Amino acid sequence: MATDTLTTEFCLRLSRAWATLSRRLDSALGSHHGISFADYQLLLHLQRAPGQRLRRVDLADKLGLTASGVTRSLLPLEKIGLVTRQSDPRDARVGYASITPAGDEMATNATVVVDNVSRNALGGPGRPQLETTSTLLAQLGGVQ
């Protein structure tokens, strides 16, 4: 198989794998915690951030969304008390998202579900294979 065809096939398989995994994660998180995988990712980034808060533009970058996409994603989580939005007292143009104690607990509990679904979906590849693939995926996603 030519290299171009191989890379195209890899991208097609990656897209299919992502769609399948995303559906499984959405289903499991929805039935156990009432959130989507996208909600979980947002909560996890906030949970891991220094002070458990991020500027909305930084959160957008981590999630691969636009700033307005992050704002739309924050609204339902804010309504149910998992996140709060804050403005910077020195610069009104800067907005922060922070995780609440309820959001922190949700992210911790949801991680158990995500870990189980991930483990079942992957079927037990070895650590070297996971590390190599993870590095490639980080490169594709522009993550250093």
N, C-alpha and C. Protein backbone atom coordinates (compact mmCIF):
# COMPACT_ATOMS: atom_id res chain seq x y z
N MET A 1 0.85 -1.17 0.00
CA MET A 1 0.00 0.00 0.00
C MET A 1 0.90 1.24 0.00
N ALA A 2 0.61 2.18 -0.88
CA ALA A 2 1.39 3.41 -0.96
C ALA A 2 1.24 4.21 0.33
N THR A 3 2.26 5.02 0.64
CA THR A 3 2.26 5.80 1.87
C THR A 3 1.06 6.74 1.96
N ASP A 4 0.72 7.42 0.83
CA ASP A 4 -0.42 8.33 0.85
C ASP A 4 -1.71 7.58 1.17
N THR A 5 -1.88 6.42 0.56
CA THR A 5 -3.07 5.62 0.82
C THR A 5 -3.09 5.14 2.26
N LEU A 6 -1.94 4.77 2.77
CA LEU A 6 -1.84 4.30 4.15
C LEU A 6 -2.20 5.42 5.14
N THR A 7 -1.71 6.62 4.89
CA THR A 7 -2.03 7.73 5.80
C THR A 7 -3.50 8.10 5.72
N THR A 8 -4.07 8.05 4.52
CA THR A 8 -5.50 8.32 4.37
C THR A 8 -6.32 7.27 5.11
N GLU A 9 -5.94 6.01 4.94
CA GLU A 9 -6.64 4.92 5.62
C GLU A 9 -6.53 5.06 7.14
N PHE A 10 -5.36 5.46 7.62
CA PHE A 10 -5.18 5.69 9.05
C PHE A 10 -6.14 6.76 9.54
N CYS A 11 -6.23 7.87 8.81
CA CYS A 11 -7.12 8.96 9.21
C CYS A 11 -8.59 8.54 9.18
N LEU A 12 -8.97 7.75 8.20
CA LEU A 12 -10.35 7.26 8.15
C LEU A 12 -10.65 6.33 9.32
N ARG A 13 -9.72 5.45 9.63
CA ARG A 13 -9.91 4.55 10.77
C ARG A 13 -9.92 5.31 12.08
N LEU A 14 -9.08 6.33 12.20
CA LEU A 14 -9.04 7.16 13.39
C LEU A 14 -10.38 7.87 13.59
N SER A 15 -10.93 8.40 12.52
CA SER A 15 -12.22 9.07 12.58
C SER A 15 -13.33 8.11 13.02
N ARG A 16 -13.33 6.94 12.45
CA ARG A 16 -14.32 5.92 12.81
C ARG A 16 -14.16 5.50 14.28
N ALA A 17 -12.90 5.30 14.70
CA ALA A 17 -12.64 4.89 16.08
C ALA A 17 -13.10 5.99 17.04
N TRP A 18 -12.83 7.25 16.70
CA TRP A 18 -13.24 8.36 17.56
C TRP A 18 -14.77 8.41 17.68
N ALA A 19 -15.46 8.25 16.56
CA ALA A 19 -16.92 8.29 16.59
C ALA A 19 -17.48 7.17 17.47
N THR A 20 -16.93 5.99 17.36
CA THR A 20 -17.39 4.85 18.15
C THR A 20 -17.10 5.06 19.63
N LEU A 21 -15.88 5.46 19.95
CA LEU A 21 -15.50 5.69 21.34
C LEU A 21 -16.30 6.83 21.95
N SER A 22 -16.49 7.88 21.20
CA SER A 22 -17.24 9.04 21.69
C SER A 22 -18.69 8.65 22.03
N ARG A 23 -19.32 7.85 21.17
CA ARG A 23 -20.68 7.38 21.45
C ARG A 23 -20.72 6.54 22.72
N ARG A 24 -19.76 5.65 22.89
CA ARG A 24 -19.72 4.81 24.09
C ARG A 24 -19.54 5.66 25.35
N LEU A 25 -18.63 6.63 25.28
CA LEU A 25 -18.39 7.49 26.44
C LEU A 25 -19.59 8.36 26.75
N ASP A 26 -20.21 8.94 25.71
CA ASP A 26 -21.41 9.75 25.91
C ASP A 26 -22.52 8.93 26.57
N SER A 27 -22.71 7.72 26.09
CA SER A 27 -23.76 6.86 26.62
C SER A 27 -23.50 6.52 28.09
N ALA A 28 -22.28 6.10 28.40
CA ALA A 28 -21.96 5.70 29.77
C ALA A 28 -22.02 6.89 30.72
N LEU A 29 -21.44 8.01 30.32
CA LEU A 29 -21.46 9.19 31.19
C LEU A 29 -22.88 9.74 31.34
N GLY A 30 -23.65 9.71 30.27
CA GLY A 30 -25.02 10.19 30.33
C GLY A 30 -25.87 9.36 31.27
N SER A 31 -25.72 8.03 31.19
CA SER A 31 -26.56 7.18 32.04
C SER A 31 -26.10 7.19 33.50
N HIS A 32 -24.81 7.35 33.75
CA HIS A 32 -24.31 7.34 35.13
C HIS A 32 -24.30 8.72 35.80
N HIS A 33 -24.01 9.77 35.01
CA HIS A 33 -23.81 11.08 35.62
C HIS A 33 -24.60 12.22 34.96
N GLY A 34 -25.28 11.94 33.86
CA GLY A 34 -26.07 12.98 33.20
C GLY A 34 -25.26 14.03 32.46
N ILE A 35 -24.02 13.70 32.11
CA ILE A 35 -23.18 14.63 31.34
C ILE A 35 -22.67 13.93 30.09
N SER A 36 -22.20 14.72 29.14
CA SER A 36 -21.61 14.17 27.93
C SER A 36 -20.10 14.04 28.10
N PHE A 37 -19.47 13.38 27.15
CA PHE A 37 -18.01 13.29 27.18
C PHE A 37 -17.39 14.67 26.99
N ALA A 38 -18.00 15.51 26.18
CA ALA A 38 -17.51 16.89 26.00
C ALA A 38 -17.57 17.65 27.34
N ASP A 39 -18.66 17.47 28.08
CA ASP A 39 -18.77 18.09 29.41
C ASP A 39 -17.66 17.58 30.33
N TYR A 40 -17.44 16.28 30.29
CA TYR A 40 -16.40 15.67 31.12
C TYR A 40 -15.03 16.26 30.80
N GLN A 41 -14.71 16.38 29.52
CA GLN A 41 -13.41 16.92 29.13
C GLN A 41 -13.23 18.34 29.66
N LEU A 42 -14.27 19.15 29.56
CA LEU A 42 -14.22 20.51 30.06
C LEU A 42 -13.97 20.50 31.57
N LEU A 43 -14.72 19.69 32.30
CA LEU A 43 -14.55 19.61 33.75
C LEU A 43 -13.15 19.11 34.12
N LEU A 44 -12.65 18.14 33.39
CA LEU A 44 -11.33 17.58 33.69
C LEU A 44 -10.23 18.62 33.49
N HIS A 45 -10.32 19.41 32.42
CA HIS A 45 -9.31 20.46 32.19
C HIS A 45 -9.35 21.49 33.31
N LEU A 46 -10.54 21.84 33.76
CA LEU A 46 -10.64 22.80 34.87
C LEU A 46 -10.13 22.18 36.16
N GLN A 47 -10.45 20.93 36.40
CA GLN A 47 -10.01 20.25 37.61
C GLN A 47 -8.48 20.19 37.69
N ARG A 48 -7.83 19.99 36.55
CA ARG A 48 -6.38 19.85 36.52
C ARG A 48 -5.64 21.18 36.45
N ALA A 49 -6.35 22.25 36.19
CA ALA A 49 -5.72 23.57 36.02
C ALA A 49 -5.26 24.14 37.35
N PRO A 50 -4.22 24.97 37.32
CA PRO A 50 -3.79 25.65 38.55
C PRO A 50 -4.96 26.47 39.12
N GLY A 51 -5.24 26.27 40.39
CA GLY A 51 -6.35 26.98 41.01
C GLY A 51 -7.71 26.53 40.51
N GLN A 52 -7.72 25.45 39.75
CA GLN A 52 -8.95 24.89 39.16
C GLN A 52 -9.74 25.92 38.36
N ARG A 53 -9.01 26.76 37.64
CA ARG A 53 -9.66 27.73 36.76
C ARG A 53 -8.76 28.01 35.58
N LEU A 54 -9.39 28.37 34.46
CA LEU A 54 -8.68 28.72 33.24
C LEU A 54 -9.36 29.90 32.58
N ARG A 55 -8.55 30.68 31.87
CA ARG A 55 -9.16 31.69 31.00
C ARG A 55 -9.96 30.94 29.94
N ARG A 56 -11.07 31.51 29.54
CA ARG A 56 -11.92 30.83 28.55
C ARG A 56 -11.17 30.58 27.25
N VAL A 57 -10.29 31.50 26.85
CA VAL A 57 -9.53 31.29 25.61
C VAL A 57 -8.57 30.12 25.76
N ASP A 58 -7.99 29.93 26.95
CA ASP A 58 -7.10 28.79 27.18
C ASP A 58 -7.87 27.48 27.21
N LEU A 59 -9.06 27.51 27.79
CA LEU A 59 -9.92 26.34 27.80
C LEU A 59 -10.34 25.98 26.38
N ALA A 60 -10.65 26.98 25.59
CA ALA A 60 -11.00 26.76 24.18
C ALA A 60 -9.86 26.07 23.44
N ASP A 61 -8.65 26.54 23.68
CA ASP A 61 -7.48 25.94 23.02
C ASP A 61 -7.31 24.48 23.43
N LYS A 62 -7.47 24.17 24.71
CA LYS A 62 -7.32 22.80 25.19
C LYS A 62 -8.39 21.87 24.63
N LEU A 63 -9.58 22.42 24.40
CA LEU A 63 -10.69 21.60 23.92
C LEU A 63 -10.81 21.59 22.40
N GLY A 64 -10.05 22.44 21.73
CA GLY A 64 -10.15 22.53 20.27
C GLY A 64 -11.43 23.22 19.83
N LEU A 65 -11.90 24.15 20.64
CA LEU A 65 -13.13 24.89 20.35
C LEU A 65 -12.81 26.36 20.15
N THR A 66 -13.80 27.10 19.69
CA THR A 66 -13.69 28.55 19.66
C THR A 66 -14.08 29.09 21.03
N ALA A 67 -13.76 30.35 21.28
CA ALA A 67 -14.14 30.96 22.55
C ALA A 67 -15.66 30.96 22.71
N SER A 68 -16.39 31.22 21.62
CA SER A 68 -17.85 31.20 21.73
C SER A 68 -18.36 29.78 21.94
N GLY A 69 -17.67 28.79 21.40
CA GLY A 69 -18.04 27.39 21.63
C GLY A 69 -17.88 27.02 23.09
N VAL A 70 -16.83 27.52 23.73
CA VAL A 70 -16.63 27.26 25.15
C VAL A 70 -17.73 27.94 25.96
N THR A 71 -18.06 29.16 25.60
CA THR A 71 -19.12 29.88 26.31
C THR A 71 -20.43 29.09 26.23
N ARG A 72 -20.76 28.57 25.05
CA ARG A 72 -21.98 27.75 24.89
C ARG A 72 -21.89 26.47 25.72
N SER A 73 -20.71 25.87 25.81
CA SER A 73 -20.53 24.65 26.58
C SER A 73 -20.62 24.90 28.08
N LEU A 74 -20.20 26.07 28.51
CA LEU A 74 -20.22 26.40 29.94
C LEU A 74 -21.63 26.66 30.46
N LEU A 75 -22.50 27.20 29.63
CA LEU A 75 -23.83 27.60 30.10
C LEU A 75 -24.60 26.50 30.81
N PRO A 76 -24.79 25.32 30.21
CA PRO A 76 -25.56 24.29 30.92
C PRO A 76 -24.85 23.79 32.18
N LEU A 77 -23.51 23.74 32.15
CA LEU A 77 -22.77 23.29 33.33
C LEU A 77 -22.84 24.32 34.45
N GLU A 78 -22.93 25.58 34.06
CA GLU A 78 -23.09 26.64 35.05
C GLU A 78 -24.49 26.57 35.68
N LYS A 79 -25.49 26.30 34.86
CA LYS A 79 -26.87 26.22 35.36
C LYS A 79 -27.05 25.10 36.38
N ILE A 80 -26.31 24.01 36.22
CA ILE A 80 -26.46 22.89 37.17
C ILE A 80 -25.40 22.93 38.27
N GLY A 81 -24.63 24.02 38.32
CA GLY A 81 -23.72 24.24 39.43
C GLY A 81 -22.39 23.53 39.38
N LEU A 82 -21.95 23.10 38.18
CA LEU A 82 -20.67 22.41 38.07
C LEU A 82 -19.51 23.35 37.78
N VAL A 83 -19.80 24.50 37.17
CA VAL A 83 -18.77 25.50 36.87
C VAL A 83 -19.31 26.89 37.18
N THR A 84 -18.41 27.83 37.31
CA THR A 84 -18.78 29.24 37.42
C THR A 84 -17.93 30.01 36.43
N ARG A 85 -18.44 31.15 36.04
CA ARG A 85 -17.67 32.05 35.18
C ARG A 85 -17.31 33.28 36.00
N GLN A 86 -16.09 33.76 35.81
CA GLN A 86 -15.60 34.92 36.55
C GLN A 86 -14.94 35.89 35.58
N SER A 87 -15.03 37.16 35.90
CA SER A 87 -14.31 38.14 35.09
C SER A 87 -13.06 38.54 35.84
N ASP A 88 -12.11 39.05 35.11
CA ASP A 88 -10.86 39.53 35.70
C ASP A 88 -11.09 40.96 36.19
N PRO A 89 -10.86 41.24 37.47
CA PRO A 89 -11.11 42.59 37.97
C PRO A 89 -10.22 43.65 37.31
N ARG A 90 -9.07 43.23 36.76
CA ARG A 90 -8.17 44.18 36.11
C ARG A 90 -8.43 44.35 34.62
N ASP A 91 -9.12 43.37 34.01
CA ASP A 91 -9.35 43.43 32.57
C ASP A 91 -10.69 42.78 32.26
N ALA A 92 -11.70 43.59 31.97
CA ALA A 92 -13.06 43.09 31.74
C ALA A 92 -13.16 42.19 30.50
N ARG A 93 -12.18 42.27 29.62
CA ARG A 93 -12.21 41.44 28.41
C ARG A 93 -11.83 39.99 28.69
N VAL A 94 -11.19 39.76 29.83
CA VAL A 94 -10.72 38.42 30.18
C VAL A 94 -11.76 37.73 31.05
N GLY A 95 -12.14 36.53 30.64
CA GLY A 95 -13.09 35.75 31.42
C GLY A 95 -12.49 34.43 31.82
N TYR A 96 -12.81 33.99 33.02
CA TYR A 96 -12.33 32.71 33.55
C TYR A 96 -13.50 31.75 33.74
N ALA A 97 -13.19 30.49 33.61
CA ALA A 97 -14.12 29.43 34.00
C ALA A 97 -13.46 28.69 35.14
N SER A 98 -14.22 28.39 36.17
CA SER A 98 -13.67 27.62 37.28
C SER A 98 -14.65 26.51 37.66
N ILE A 99 -14.09 25.46 38.20
CA ILE A 99 -14.90 24.31 38.59
C ILE A 99 -15.37 24.51 40.04
N THR A 100 -16.59 24.15 40.30
CA THR A 100 -17.14 24.24 41.65
C THR A 100 -16.81 22.95 42.41
N PRO A 101 -17.02 22.92 43.71
CA PRO A 101 -16.83 21.66 44.45
C PRO A 101 -17.69 20.52 43.88
N ALA A 102 -18.92 20.83 43.47
CA ALA A 102 -19.78 19.80 42.87
C ALA A 102 -19.21 19.33 41.54
N GLY A 103 -18.66 20.26 40.76
CA GLY A 103 -18.04 19.90 39.48
C GLY A 103 -16.79 19.07 39.69
N ASP A 104 -16.02 19.41 40.71
CA ASP A 104 -14.81 18.65 41.04
C ASP A 104 -15.18 17.21 41.41
N GLU A 105 -16.21 17.05 42.22
CA GLU A 105 -16.67 15.71 42.60
C GLU A 105 -17.20 14.96 41.37
N MET A 106 -17.94 15.65 40.52
CA MET A 106 -18.46 15.03 39.29
C MET A 106 -17.31 14.54 38.41
N ALA A 107 -16.30 15.37 38.21
CA ALA A 107 -15.17 14.99 37.36
C ALA A 107 -14.45 13.77 37.94
N THR A 108 -14.27 13.75 39.24
CA THR A 108 -13.60 12.61 39.89
C THR A 108 -14.42 11.34 39.71
N ASN A 109 -15.72 11.41 39.96
CA ASN A 109 -16.57 10.23 39.81
C ASN A 109 -16.70 9.79 38.36
N ALA A 110 -16.80 10.74 37.45
CA ALA A 110 -16.93 10.42 36.02
C ALA A 110 -15.66 9.79 35.47
N THR A 111 -14.51 10.12 36.06
CA THR A 111 -13.25 9.54 35.60
C THR A 111 -13.25 8.02 35.75
N VAL A 112 -13.92 7.51 36.76
CA VAL A 112 -14.02 6.06 36.94
C VAL A 112 -14.75 5.44 35.75
N VAL A 113 -15.84 6.08 35.32
CA VAL A 113 -16.61 5.58 34.17
C VAL A 113 -15.76 5.67 32.90
N VAL A 114 -15.09 6.79 32.70
CA VAL A 114 -14.26 6.97 31.50
C VAL A 114 -13.13 5.95 31.47
N ASP A 115 -12.50 5.72 32.63
CA ASP A 115 -11.43 4.72 32.68
C ASP A 115 -11.95 3.33 32.31
N ASN A 116 -13.12 2.96 32.82
CA ASN A 116 -13.68 1.64 32.52
C ASN A 116 -14.04 1.49 31.05
N VAL A 117 -14.70 2.50 30.49
CA VAL A 117 -15.07 2.45 29.07
C VAL A 117 -13.81 2.40 28.21
N SER A 118 -12.82 3.21 28.55
CA SER A 118 -11.57 3.25 27.78
C SER A 118 -10.87 1.89 27.81
N ARG A 119 -10.78 1.32 28.99
CA ARG A 119 -10.11 0.02 29.14
C ARG A 119 -10.84 -1.06 28.32
N ASN A 120 -12.17 -1.07 28.39
CA ASN A 120 -12.95 -2.06 27.64
C ASN A 120 -12.83 -1.83 26.13
N ALA A 121 -12.81 -0.58 25.71
CA ALA A 121 -12.73 -0.28 24.28
C ALA A 121 -11.38 -0.64 23.69
N LEU A 122 -10.32 -0.43 24.45
CA LEU A 122 -8.97 -0.68 23.93
C LEU A 122 -8.57 -2.15 23.98
N GLY A 123 -9.15 -2.89 24.87
CA GLY A 123 -8.88 -4.32 24.89
C GLY A 123 -7.50 -4.72 25.36
N GLY A 124 -6.77 -3.86 26.00
CA GLY A 124 -5.52 -4.24 26.64
C GLY A 124 -4.26 -4.20 25.80
N PRO A 125 -4.03 -3.17 24.98
CA PRO A 125 -2.73 -3.09 24.31
C PRO A 125 -1.63 -2.84 25.34
N GLY A 126 -0.40 -3.18 24.99
CA GLY A 126 0.71 -2.97 25.90
C GLY A 126 1.05 -1.50 26.06
N ARG A 127 1.75 -1.19 27.14
CA ARG A 127 2.14 0.18 27.44
C ARG A 127 2.95 0.82 26.30
N PRO A 128 3.94 0.13 25.71
CA PRO A 128 4.70 0.76 24.62
C PRO A 128 3.81 1.16 23.43
N GLN A 129 2.85 0.31 23.08
CA GLN A 129 1.94 0.62 21.98
C GLN A 129 1.07 1.82 22.32
N LEU A 130 0.56 1.88 23.55
CA LEU A 130 -0.25 3.02 23.98
C LEU A 130 0.56 4.31 23.97
N GLU A 131 1.81 4.25 24.46
CA GLU A 131 2.65 5.44 24.50
C GLU A 131 2.96 5.94 23.09
N THR A 132 3.27 5.04 22.17
CA THR A 132 3.58 5.43 20.80
C THR A 132 2.36 6.04 20.12
N THR A 133 1.22 5.40 20.27
CA THR A 133 0.00 5.91 19.66
C THR A 133 -0.42 7.23 20.30
N SER A 134 -0.27 7.33 21.60
CA SER A 134 -0.61 8.56 22.29
C SER A 134 0.25 9.72 21.81
N THR A 135 1.53 9.47 21.59
CA THR A 135 2.43 10.49 21.07
C THR A 135 2.00 10.94 19.68
N LEU A 136 1.63 9.99 18.84
CA LEU A 136 1.16 10.32 17.49
C LEU A 136 -0.13 11.15 17.55
N LEU A 137 -1.06 10.77 18.42
CA LEU A 137 -2.30 11.49 18.54
C LEU A 137 -2.08 12.90 19.09
N ALA A 138 -1.14 13.05 20.01
CA ALA A 138 -0.80 14.37 20.52
C ALA A 138 -0.24 15.25 19.40
N GLN A 139 0.58 14.66 18.57
CA GLN A 139 1.15 15.38 17.42
C GLN A 139 0.03 15.82 16.47
N LEU A 140 -0.89 14.93 16.19
CA LEU A 140 -2.02 15.27 15.32
C LEU A 140 -2.88 16.37 15.91
N GLY A 141 -3.03 16.36 17.24
CA GLY A 141 -3.85 17.36 17.91
C GLY A 141 -3.13 18.65 18.22
N GLY A 142 -1.84 18.74 17.86
CA GLY A 142 -1.08 19.94 18.11
C GLY A 142 -0.73 20.15 19.56
N VAL A 143 -0.66 19.04 20.32
CA VAL A 143 -0.35 19.12 21.74
C VAL A 143 1.15 18.87 21.92
N GLN A 144 1.81 19.74 22.68
CA GLN A 144 3.24 19.54 22.94
C GLN A 144 3.42 18.69 24.17
